[in-house]
Amino acid sequence: MNNYEVLYILSDKQDQEARTALIEKFKNLVAPYGEVSVNEWGTRKLEYAIQTKMSGKHLTGYYVLMKFVAPPELPAEIERQMRISDDVIRFMIERV
């Protein structure tokens, strides 16, 4: 088991319910492996505009930091789930 951190940016064009559901979805992916800490940083201005196919141009995003303990193969599954979600603008997974 390794310690990981995931920082991801969600689209701010979605409502609070959808955002909360997406955060819970990612939290529930890692919850069976141990304790999960989710720190919502809130809406912040992006350093540069990010263009996405589905939702257009983003100037701000909703930042979330998630810390967890998991086996080495789980970050690949989290990455897969984040890539197929249209509401995740950017993400970064780091082993701590």
PDB file of N, CA and C in Angstrom:
ATOM      1  N   MET A   1       0.837  -1.176   0.000  1.00  0.00           N
ATOM      2  CA  MET A   1       0.000   0.000   0.000  1.00  0.00           C
ATOM      3  C   MET A   1       0.886   1.245   0.000  1.00  0.00           C
ATOM      4  N   ASN A   2       0.502   2.198  -0.836  1.00  0.00           N
ATOM      5  CA  ASN A   2       1.253   3.440  -0.976  1.00  0.00           C
ATOM      6  C   ASN A   2       0.359   4.635  -0.646  1.00  0.00           C
ATOM      7  N   ASN A   3       0.978   5.738  -0.277  1.00  0.00           N
ATOM      8  CA  ASN A   3       0.260   6.991  -0.051  1.00  0.00           C
ATOM      9  C   ASN A   3       0.223   7.777  -1.360  1.00  0.00           C
ATOM     10  N   TYR A   4      -0.948   8.314  -1.682  1.00  0.00           N
ATOM     11  CA  TYR A   4      -1.131   9.072  -2.921  1.00  0.00           C
ATOM     12  C   TYR A   4      -1.870  10.369  -2.639  1.00  0.00           C
ATOM     13  N   GLU A   5      -1.666  11.317  -3.557  1.00  0.00           N
ATOM     14  CA  GLU A   5      -2.421  12.564  -3.584  1.00  0.00           C
ATOM     15  C   GLU A   5      -2.924  12.768  -5.003  1.00  0.00           C
ATOM     16  N   VAL A   6      -4.170  13.180  -5.128  1.00  0.00           N
ATOM     17  CA  VAL A   6      -4.749  13.517  -6.425  1.00  0.00           C
ATOM     18  C   VAL A   6      -5.279  14.932  -6.328  1.00  0.00           C
ATOM     19  N   LEU A   7      -4.790  15.793  -7.187  1.00  0.00           N
ATOM     20  CA  LEU A   7      -5.322  17.139  -7.298  1.00  0.00           C
ATOM     21  C   LEU A   7      -6.057  17.193  -8.626  1.00  0.00           C
ATOM     22  N   TYR A   8      -7.343  17.494  -8.570  1.00  0.00           N
ATOM     23  CA  TYR A   8      -8.096  17.581  -9.821  1.00  0.00           C
ATOM     24  C   TYR A   8      -8.951  18.840  -9.842  1.00  0.00           C
ATOM     25  N   ILE A   9      -9.209  19.296 -11.067  1.00  0.00           N
ATOM     26  CA  ILE A   9      -9.982  20.517 -11.289  1.00  0.00           C
ATOM     27  C   ILE A   9     -11.266  20.122 -12.005  1.00  0.00           C
ATOM     28  N   LEU A  10     -12.381  20.485 -11.398  1.00  0.00           N
ATOM     29  CA  LEU A  10     -13.685  20.208 -11.985  1.00  0.00           C
ATOM     30  C   LEU A  10     -14.214  21.458 -12.681  1.00  0.00           C
ATOM     31  N   SER A  11     -15.059  21.242 -13.658  1.00  0.00           N
ATOM     32  CA  SER A  11     -15.692  22.348 -14.358  1.00  0.00           C
ATOM     33  C   SER A  11     -16.578  23.123 -13.392  1.00  0.00           C
ATOM     34  N   ASP A  12     -16.480  24.431 -13.425  1.00  0.00           N
ATOM     35  CA  ASP A  12     -17.342  25.246 -12.565  1.00  0.00           C
ATOM     36  C   ASP A  12     -18.681  25.533 -13.227  1.00  0.00           C
ATOM     37  N   LYS A  13     -18.910  24.980 -14.418  1.00  0.00           N
ATOM     38  CA  LYS A  13     -20.167  25.183 -15.135  1.00  0.00           C
ATOM     39  C   LYS A  13     -21.263  24.223 -14.678  1.00  0.00           C
ATOM     40  N   GLN A  14     -20.918  23.274 -13.816  1.00  0.00           N
ATOM     41  CA  GLN A  14     -21.923  22.345 -13.302  1.00  0.00           C
ATOM     42  C   GLN A  14     -22.456  22.840 -11.960  1.00  0.00           C
ATOM     43  N   ASP A  15     -23.621  22.344 -11.565  1.00  0.00           N
ATOM     44  CA  ASP A  15     -24.215  22.784 -10.305  1.00  0.00           C
ATOM     45  C   ASP A  15     -23.581  22.054  -9.122  1.00  0.00           C
ATOM     46  N   GLN A  16     -23.902  22.509  -7.916  1.00  0.00           N
ATOM     47  CA  GLN A  16     -23.292  21.982  -6.690  1.00  0.00           C
ATOM     48  C   GLN A  16     -23.606  20.501  -6.491  1.00  0.00           C
ATOM     49  N   GLU A  17     -24.817  20.058  -6.829  1.00  0.00           N
ATOM     50  CA  GLU A  17     -25.191  18.649  -6.658  1.00  0.00           C
ATOM     51  C   GLU A  17     -24.344  17.736  -7.534  1.00  0.00           C
ATOM     52  N   ALA A  18     -24.166  18.115  -8.783  1.00  0.00           N
ATOM     53  CA  ALA A  18     -23.362  17.304  -9.706  1.00  0.00           C
ATOM     54  C   ALA A  18     -21.904  17.270  -9.264  1.00  0.00           C
ATOM     55  N   ARG A  19     -21.404  18.393  -8.789  1.00  0.00           N
ATOM     56  CA  ARG A  19     -20.024  18.470  -8.317  1.00  0.00           C
ATOM     57  C   ARG A  19     -19.821  17.569  -7.101  1.00  0.00           C
ATOM     58  N   THR A  20     -20.758  17.617  -6.148  1.00  0.00           N
ATOM     59  CA  THR A  20     -20.678  16.782  -4.952  1.00  0.00           C
ATOM     60  C   THR A  20     -20.757  15.305  -5.312  1.00  0.00           C
ATOM     61  N   ALA A  21     -21.617  14.959  -6.267  1.00  0.00           N
ATOM     62  CA  ALA A  21     -21.744  13.564  -6.696  1.00  0.00           C
ATOM     63  C   ALA A  21     -20.447  13.061  -7.329  1.00  0.00           C
ATOM     64  N   LEU A  22     -19.792  13.902  -8.112  1.00  0.00           N
ATOM     65  CA  LEU A  22     -18.540  13.506  -8.752  1.00  0.00           C
ATOM     66  C   LEU A  22     -17.417  13.342  -7.729  1.00  0.00           C
ATOM     67  N   ILE A  23     -17.361  14.226  -6.743  1.00  0.00           N
ATOM     68  CA  ILE A  23     -16.359  14.108  -5.686  1.00  0.00           C
ATOM     69  C   ILE A  23     -16.582  12.823  -4.896  1.00  0.00           C
ATOM     70  N   GLU A  24     -17.833  12.509  -4.588  1.00  0.00           N
ATOM     71  CA  GLU A  24     -18.161  11.266  -3.872  1.00  0.00           C
ATOM     72  C   GLU A  24     -17.816  10.035  -4.706  1.00  0.00           C
ATOM     73  N   LYS A  25     -18.023  10.120  -6.011  1.00  0.00           N
ATOM     74  CA  LYS A  25     -17.692   8.996  -6.895  1.00  0.00           C
ATOM     75  C   LYS A  25     -16.206   8.666  -6.805  1.00  0.00           C
ATOM     76  N   PHE A  26     -15.353   9.693  -6.895  1.00  0.00           N
ATOM     77  CA  PHE A  26     -13.911   9.461  -6.817  1.00  0.00           C
ATOM     78  C   PHE A  26     -13.492   9.022  -5.419  1.00  0.00           C
ATOM     79  N   LYS A  27     -14.149   9.553  -4.408  1.00  0.00           N
ATOM     80  CA  LYS A  27     -13.855   9.156  -3.027  1.00  0.00           C
ATOM     81  C   LYS A  27     -14.219   7.689  -2.803  1.00  0.00           C
ATOM     82  N   ASN A  28     -15.349   7.253  -3.342  1.00  0.00           N
ATOM     83  CA  ASN A  28     -15.790   5.869  -3.172  1.00  0.00           C
ATOM     84  C   ASN A  28     -14.932   4.864  -3.931  1.00  0.00           C
ATOM     85  N   LEU A  29     -14.193   5.318  -4.939  1.00  0.00           N
ATOM     86  CA  LEU A  29     -13.267   4.423  -5.642  1.00  0.00           C
ATOM     87  C   LEU A  29     -12.141   3.943  -4.717  1.00  0.00           C
ATOM     88  N   VAL A  30     -11.686   4.824  -3.833  1.00  0.00           N
ATOM     89  CA  VAL A  30     -10.541   4.497  -2.982  1.00  0.00           C
ATOM     90  C   VAL A  30     -10.926   4.153  -1.550  1.00  0.00           C
ATOM     91  N   ALA A  31     -12.174   4.404  -1.165  1.00  0.00           N
ATOM     92  CA  ALA A  31     -12.614   4.169   0.215  1.00  0.00           C
ATOM     93  C   ALA A  31     -12.444   2.728   0.695  1.00  0.00           C
ATOM     94  N   PRO A  32     -12.652   1.696  -0.127  1.00  0.00           N
ATOM     95  CA  PRO A  32     -12.477   0.324   0.373  1.00  0.00           C
ATOM     96  C   PRO A  32     -11.049  -0.016   0.804  1.00  0.00           C
ATOM     97  N   TYR A  33     -10.068   0.782   0.387  1.00  0.00           N
ATOM     98  CA  TYR A  33      -8.675   0.468   0.685  1.00  0.00           C
ATOM     99  C   TYR A  33      -8.164   1.148   1.942  1.00  0.00           C
ATOM    100  N   GLY A  34      -8.931   2.053   2.508  1.00  0.00           N
ATOM    101  CA  GLY A  34      -8.490   2.731   3.725  1.00  0.00           C
ATOM    102  C   GLY A  34      -9.069   4.122   3.828  1.00  0.00           C
ATOM    103  N   GLU A  35      -8.444   4.917   4.674  1.00  0.00           N
ATOM    104  CA  GLU A  35      -8.929   6.266   4.952  1.00  0.00           C
ATOM    105  C   GLU A  35      -8.677   7.200   3.775  1.00  0.00           C
ATOM    106  N   VAL A  36      -9.663   8.051   3.506  1.00  0.00           N
ATOM    107  CA  VAL A  36      -9.580   9.014   2.413  1.00  0.00           C
ATOM    108  C   VAL A  36      -9.810  10.409   2.986  1.00  0.00           C
ATOM    109  N   SER A  37      -8.952  11.331   2.607  1.00  0.00           N
ATOM    110  CA  SER A  37      -9.094  12.720   3.034  1.00  0.00           C
ATOM    111  C   SER A  37      -9.367  13.578   1.801  1.00  0.00           C
ATOM    112  N   VAL A  38     -10.503  14.286   1.798  1.00  0.00           N
ATOM    113  CA  VAL A  38     -10.867  15.149   0.675  1.00  0.00           C
ATOM    114  C   VAL A  38     -10.881  16.594   1.162  1.00  0.00           C
ATOM    115  N   ASN A  39     -10.119  17.433   0.489  1.00  0.00           N
ATOM    116  CA  ASN A  39     -10.030  18.847   0.825  1.00  0.00           C
ATOM    117  C   ASN A  39     -10.476  19.650  -0.396  1.00  0.00           C
ATOM    118  N   GLU A  40     -11.647  20.270  -0.306  1.00  0.00           N
ATOM    119  CA  GLU A  40     -12.171  21.071  -1.409  1.00  0.00           C
ATOM    120  C   GLU A  40     -11.645  22.498  -1.283  1.00  0.00           C
ATOM    121  N   TRP A  41     -10.889  22.937  -2.278  1.00  0.00           N
ATOM    122  CA  TRP A  41     -10.302  24.268  -2.264  1.00  0.00           C
ATOM    123  C   TRP A  41     -11.262  25.319  -2.804  1.00  0.00           C
ATOM    124  N   GLY A  42     -12.255  24.894  -3.549  1.00  0.00           N
ATOM    125  CA  GLY A  42     -13.238  25.829  -4.079  1.00  0.00           C
ATOM    126  C   GLY A  42     -12.893  26.329  -5.472  1.00  0.00           C
ATOM    127  N   THR A  43     -13.637  27.320  -5.917  1.00  0.00           N
ATOM    128  CA  THR A  43     -13.461  27.872  -7.258  1.00  0.00           C
ATOM    129  C   THR A  43     -12.297  28.858  -7.260  1.00  0.00           C
ATOM    130  N   ARG A  44     -11.425  28.662  -8.239  1.00  0.00           N
ATOM    131  CA  ARG A  44     -10.260  29.539  -8.398  1.00  0.00           C
ATOM    132  C   ARG A  44     -10.048  29.843  -9.874  1.00  0.00           C
ATOM    133  N   LYS A  45      -9.395  30.946 -10.125  1.00  0.00           N
ATOM    134  CA  LYS A  45      -9.065  31.335 -11.496  1.00  0.00           C
ATOM    135  C   LYS A  45      -7.918  30.459 -11.993  1.00  0.00           C
ATOM    136  N   LEU A  46      -8.042  29.965 -13.216  1.00  0.00           N
ATOM    137  CA  LEU A  46      -6.977  29.168 -13.813  1.00  0.00           C
ATOM    138  C   LEU A  46      -5.854  30.086 -14.295  1.00  0.00           C
ATOM    139  N   GLU A  47      -4.657  29.569 -14.331  1.00  0.00           N
ATOM    140  CA  GLU A  47      -3.512  30.353 -14.791  1.00  0.00           C
ATOM    141  C   GLU A  47      -3.663  30.722 -16.269  1.00  0.00           C
ATOM    142  N   TYR A  48      -4.243  29.823 -17.045  1.00  0.00           N
ATOM    143  CA  TYR A  48      -4.497  30.075 -18.458  1.00  0.00           C
ATOM    144  C   TYR A  48      -5.808  29.389 -18.829  1.00  0.00           C
ATOM    145  N   ALA A  49      -6.446  29.851 -19.885  1.00  0.00           N
ATOM    146  CA  ALA A  49      -7.727  29.283 -20.313  1.00  0.00           C
ATOM    147  C   ALA A  49      -7.509  27.865 -20.839  1.00  0.00           C
ATOM    148  N   ILE A  50      -8.424  26.977 -20.486  1.00  0.00           N
ATOM    149  CA  ILE A  50      -8.361  25.583 -20.928  1.00  0.00           C
ATOM    150  C   ILE A  50      -9.584  25.306 -21.791  1.00  0.00           C
ATOM    151  N   GLN A  51      -9.338  24.819 -22.994  1.00  0.00           N
ATOM    152  CA  GLN A  51     -10.412  24.500 -23.934  1.00  0.00           C
ATOM    153  C   GLN A  51     -10.702  23.003 -23.861  1.00  0.00           C
ATOM    154  N   THR A  52     -11.982  22.649 -23.652  1.00  0.00           N
ATOM    155  CA  THR A  52     -12.390  21.245 -23.678  1.00  0.00           C
ATOM    156  C   THR A  52     -13.425  21.059 -24.777  1.00  0.00           C
ATOM    157  N   LYS A  53     -13.515  19.835 -25.267  1.00  0.00           N
ATOM    158  CA  LYS A  53     -14.433  19.550 -26.368  1.00  0.00           C
ATOM    159  C   LYS A  53     -15.889  19.701 -25.950  1.00  0.00           C
ATOM    160  N   MET A  54     -16.227  19.187 -24.778  1.00  0.00           N
ATOM    161  CA  MET A  54     -17.626  19.143 -24.378  1.00  0.00           C
ATOM    162  C   MET A  54     -18.126  20.461 -23.788  1.00  0.00           C
ATOM    163  N   SER A  55     -17.351  21.114 -22.929  1.00  0.00           N
ATOM    164  CA  SER A  55     -17.880  22.283 -22.238  1.00  0.00           C
ATOM    165  C   SER A  55     -17.259  23.602 -22.659  1.00  0.00           C
ATOM    166  N   GLY A  56     -16.418  23.612 -23.645  1.00  0.00           N
ATOM    167  CA  GLY A  56     -15.891  24.880 -24.148  1.00  0.00           C
ATOM    168  C   GLY A  56     -14.703  25.407 -23.360  1.00  0.00           C
ATOM    169  N   LYS A  57     -14.596  26.722 -23.297  1.00  0.00           N
ATOM    170  CA  LYS A  57     -13.446  27.397 -22.696  1.00  0.00           C
ATOM    171  C   LYS A  57     -13.674  27.607 -21.197  1.00  0.00           C
ATOM    172  N   HIS A  58     -12.656  27.281 -20.405  1.00  0.00           N
ATOM    173  CA  HIS A  58     -12.728  27.439 -18.950  1.00  0.00           C
ATOM    174  C   HIS A  58     -11.713  28.475 -18.488  1.00  0.00           C
ATOM    175  N   LEU A  59     -12.179  29.436 -17.711  1.00  0.00           N
ATOM    176  CA  LEU A  59     -11.305  30.434 -17.105  1.00  0.00           C
ATOM    177  C   LEU A  59     -11.155  30.213 -15.609  1.00  0.00           C
ATOM    178  N   THR A  60     -12.121  29.500 -15.015  1.00  0.00           N
ATOM    179  CA  THR A  60     -12.066  29.148 -13.597  1.00  0.00           C
ATOM    180  C   THR A  60     -12.399  27.668 -13.453  1.00  0.00           C
ATOM    181  N   GLY A  61     -12.021  27.100 -12.312  1.00  0.00           N
ATOM    182  CA  GLY A  61     -12.305  25.699 -12.047  1.00  0.00           C
ATOM    183  C   GLY A  61     -12.451  25.459 -10.554  1.00  0.00           C
ATOM    184  N   TYR A  62     -13.040  24.324 -10.198  1.00  0.00           N
ATOM    185  CA  TYR A  62     -13.253  23.952  -8.805  1.00  0.00           C
ATOM    186  C   TYR A  62     -12.174  22.941  -8.428  1.00  0.00           C
ATOM    187  N   TYR A  63     -11.272  23.324  -7.525  1.00  0.00           N
ATOM    188  CA  TYR A  63     -10.118  22.509  -7.158  1.00  0.00           C
ATOM    189  C   TYR A  63     -10.451  21.571  -5.997  1.00  0.00           C
ATOM    190  N   VAL A  64      -9.981  20.311  -6.100  1.00  0.00           N
ATOM    191  CA  VAL A  64     -10.180  19.315  -5.049  1.00  0.00           C
ATOM    192  C   VAL A  64      -8.875  18.547  -4.862  1.00  0.00           C
ATOM    193  N   LEU A  65      -8.442  18.406  -3.604  1.00  0.00           N
ATOM    194  CA  LEU A  65      -7.262  17.622  -3.257  1.00  0.00           C
ATOM    195  C   LEU A  65      -7.734  16.405  -2.467  1.00  0.00           C
ATOM    196  N   MET A  66      -7.339  15.212  -2.925  1.00  0.00           N
ATOM    197  CA  MET A  66      -7.729  13.973  -2.252  1.00  0.00           C
ATOM    198  C   MET A  66      -6.469  13.194  -1.893  1.00  0.00           C
ATOM    199  N   LYS A  67      -6.340  12.828  -0.616  1.00  0.00           N
ATOM    200  CA  LYS A  67      -5.212  12.034  -0.132  1.00  0.00           C
ATOM    201  C   LYS A  67      -5.739  10.683   0.304  1.00  0.00           C
ATOM    202  N   PHE A  68      -4.997   9.612  -0.038  1.00  0.00           N
ATOM    203  CA  PHE A  68      -5.471   8.273   0.285  1.00  0.00           C
ATOM    204  C   PHE A  68      -4.323   7.268   0.273  1.00  0.00           C
ATOM    205  N   VAL A  69      -4.607   6.089   0.817  1.00  0.00           N
ATOM    206  CA  VAL A  69      -3.676   4.959   0.806  1.00  0.00           C
ATOM    207  C   VAL A  69      -4.306   3.881  -0.051  1.00  0.00           C
ATOM    208  N   ALA A  70      -3.529   3.331  -1.001  1.00  0.00           N
ATOM    209  CA  ALA A  70      -4.089   2.345  -1.921  1.00  0.00           C
ATOM    210  C   ALA A  70      -2.992   1.461  -2.496  1.00  0.00           C
ATOM    211  N   PRO A  71      -3.374   0.329  -3.095  1.00  0.00           N
ATOM    212  CA  PRO A  71      -2.395  -0.513  -3.780  1.00  0.00           C
ATOM    213  C   PRO A  71      -1.899   0.181  -5.055  1.00  0.00           C
ATOM    214  N   PRO A  72      -0.764  -0.241  -5.573  1.00  0.00           N
ATOM    215  CA  PRO A  72      -0.150   0.444  -6.725  1.00  0.00           C
ATOM    216  C   PRO A  72      -0.982   0.446  -8.005  1.00  0.00           C
ATOM    217  N   GLU A  73      -1.909  -0.478  -8.162  1.00  0.00           N
ATOM    218  CA  GLU A  73      -2.687  -0.523  -9.401  1.00  0.00           C
ATOM    219  C   GLU A  73      -3.905   0.405  -9.391  1.00  0.00           C
ATOM    220  N   LEU A  74      -4.291   0.932  -8.249  1.00  0.00           N
ATOM    221  CA  LEU A  74      -5.481   1.782  -8.167  1.00  0.00           C
ATOM    222  C   LEU A  74      -5.336   3.138  -8.859  1.00  0.00           C
ATOM    223  N   PRO A  75      -4.200   3.820  -8.821  1.00  0.00           N
ATOM    224  CA  PRO A  75      -4.102   5.108  -9.525  1.00  0.00           C
ATOM    225  C   PRO A  75      -4.409   5.013 -11.023  1.00  0.00           C
ATOM    226  N   ALA A  76      -4.103   3.901 -11.650  1.00  0.00           N
ATOM    227  CA  ALA A  76      -4.433   3.739 -13.069  1.00  0.00           C
ATOM    228  C   ALA A  76      -5.946   3.725 -13.280  1.00  0.00           C
ATOM    229  N   GLU A  77      -6.683   3.106 -12.362  1.00  0.00           N
ATOM    230  CA  GLU A  77      -8.146   3.086 -12.461  1.00  0.00           C
ATOM    231  C   GLU A  77      -8.727   4.472 -12.205  1.00  0.00           C
ATOM    232  N   ILE A  78      -8.175   5.195 -11.243  1.00  0.00           N
ATOM    233  CA  ILE A  78      -8.642   6.562 -10.976  1.00  0.00           C
ATOM    234  C   ILE A  78      -8.389   7.437 -12.204  1.00  0.00           C
ATOM    235  N   GLU A  79      -7.224   7.302 -12.799  1.00  0.00           N
ATOM    236  CA  GLU A  79      -6.899   8.065 -14.000  1.00  0.00           C
ATOM    237  C   GLU A  79      -7.872   7.744 -15.130  1.00  0.00           C
ATOM    238  N   ARG A  80      -8.217   6.479 -15.297  1.00  0.00           N
ATOM    239  CA  ARG A  80      -9.158   6.071 -16.335  1.00  0.00           C
ATOM    240  C   ARG A  80     -10.521   6.714 -16.103  1.00  0.00           C
ATOM    241  N   GLN A  81     -10.985   6.684 -14.847  1.00  0.00           N
ATOM    242  CA  GLN A  81     -12.278   7.270 -14.515  1.00  0.00           C
ATOM    243  C   GLN A  81     -12.291   8.782 -14.742  1.00  0.00           C
ATOM    244  N   MET A  82     -11.190   9.448 -14.427  1.00  0.00           N
ATOM    245  CA  MET A  82     -11.126  10.897 -14.606  1.00  0.00           C
ATOM    246  C   MET A  82     -11.048  11.283 -16.075  1.00  0.00           C
ATOM    247  N   ARG A  83     -10.381  10.465 -16.870  1.00  0.00           N
ATOM    248  CA  ARG A  83     -10.276  10.762 -18.302  1.00  0.00           C
ATOM    249  C   ARG A  83     -11.619  10.644 -19.017  1.00  0.00           C
ATOM    250  N   ILE A  84     -12.468   9.719 -18.584  1.00  0.00           N
ATOM    251  CA  ILE A  84     -13.747   9.556 -19.274  1.00  0.00           C
ATOM    252  C   ILE A  84     -14.820  10.517 -18.761  1.00  0.00           C
ATOM    253  N   SER A  85     -14.551  11.213 -17.667  1.00  0.00           N
ATOM    254  CA  SER A  85     -15.505  12.185 -17.131  1.00  0.00           C
ATOM    255  C   SER A  85     -15.327  13.519 -17.846  1.00  0.00           C
ATOM    256  N   ASP A  86     -16.415  14.048 -18.391  1.00  0.00           N
ATOM    257  CA  ASP A  86     -16.355  15.318 -19.115  1.00  0.00           C
ATOM    258  C   ASP A  86     -16.186  16.515 -18.189  1.00  0.00           C
ATOM    259  N   ASP A  87     -16.501  16.351 -16.907  1.00  0.00           N
ATOM    260  CA  ASP A  87     -16.445  17.470 -15.974  1.00  0.00           C
ATOM    261  C   ASP A  87     -15.084  17.644 -15.310  1.00  0.00           C
ATOM    262  N   VAL A  88     -14.150  16.732 -15.516  1.00  0.00           N
ATOM    263  CA  VAL A  88     -12.793  16.873 -14.979  1.00  0.00           C
ATOM    264  C   VAL A  88     -11.952  17.578 -16.044  1.00  0.00           C
ATOM    265  N   ILE A  89     -11.485  18.776 -15.704  1.00  0.00           N
ATOM    266  CA  ILE A  89     -10.697  19.562 -16.660  1.00  0.00           C
ATOM    267  C   ILE A  89      -9.248  19.077 -16.675  1.00  0.00           C
ATOM    268  N   ARG A  90      -8.648  18.964 -15.506  1.00  0.00           N
ATOM    269  CA  ARG A  90      -7.262  18.510 -15.356  1.00  0.00           C
ATOM    270  C   ARG A  90      -7.153  17.703 -14.075  1.00  0.00           C
ATOM    271  N   PHE A  91      -6.134  16.828 -14.014  1.00  0.00           N
ATOM    272  CA  PHE A  91      -5.861  16.077 -12.794  1.00  0.00           C
ATOM    273  C   PHE A  91      -4.392  15.697 -12.753  1.00  0.00           C
ATOM    274  N   MET A  92      -3.922  15.430 -11.543  1.00  0.00           N
ATOM    275  CA  MET A  92      -2.534  15.023 -11.354  1.00  0.00           C
ATOM    276  C   MET A  92      -2.494  14.062 -10.161  1.00  0.00           C
ATOM    277  N   ILE A  93      -1.949  12.865 -10.377  1.00  0.00           N
ATOM    278  CA  ILE A  93      -1.835  11.863  -9.326  1.00  0.00           C
ATOM    279  C   ILE A  93      -0.360  11.730  -8.967  1.00  0.00           C
ATOM    280  N   GLU A  94      -0.054  11.852  -7.685  1.00  0.00           N
ATOM    281  CA  GLU A  94       1.327  11.764  -7.196  1.00  0.00           C
ATOM    282  C   GLU A  94       1.420  10.745  -6.090  1.00  0.00           C
ATOM    283  N   ARG A  95       2.491   9.988  -6.080  1.00  0.00           N
ATOM    284  CA  ARG A  95       2.790   9.100  -4.962  1.00  0.00           C
ATOM    285  C   ARG A  95       3.596   9.912  -3.954  1.00  0.00           C
ATOM    286  N   VAL A  96       3.159   9.887  -2.704  1.00  0.00           N
ATOM    287  CA  VAL A  96       3.805  10.684  -1.657  1.00  0.00           C
ATOM    288  C   VAL A  96       4.811   9.825  -0.919  1.00  0.00           C
TER     289      VAL A  96
END
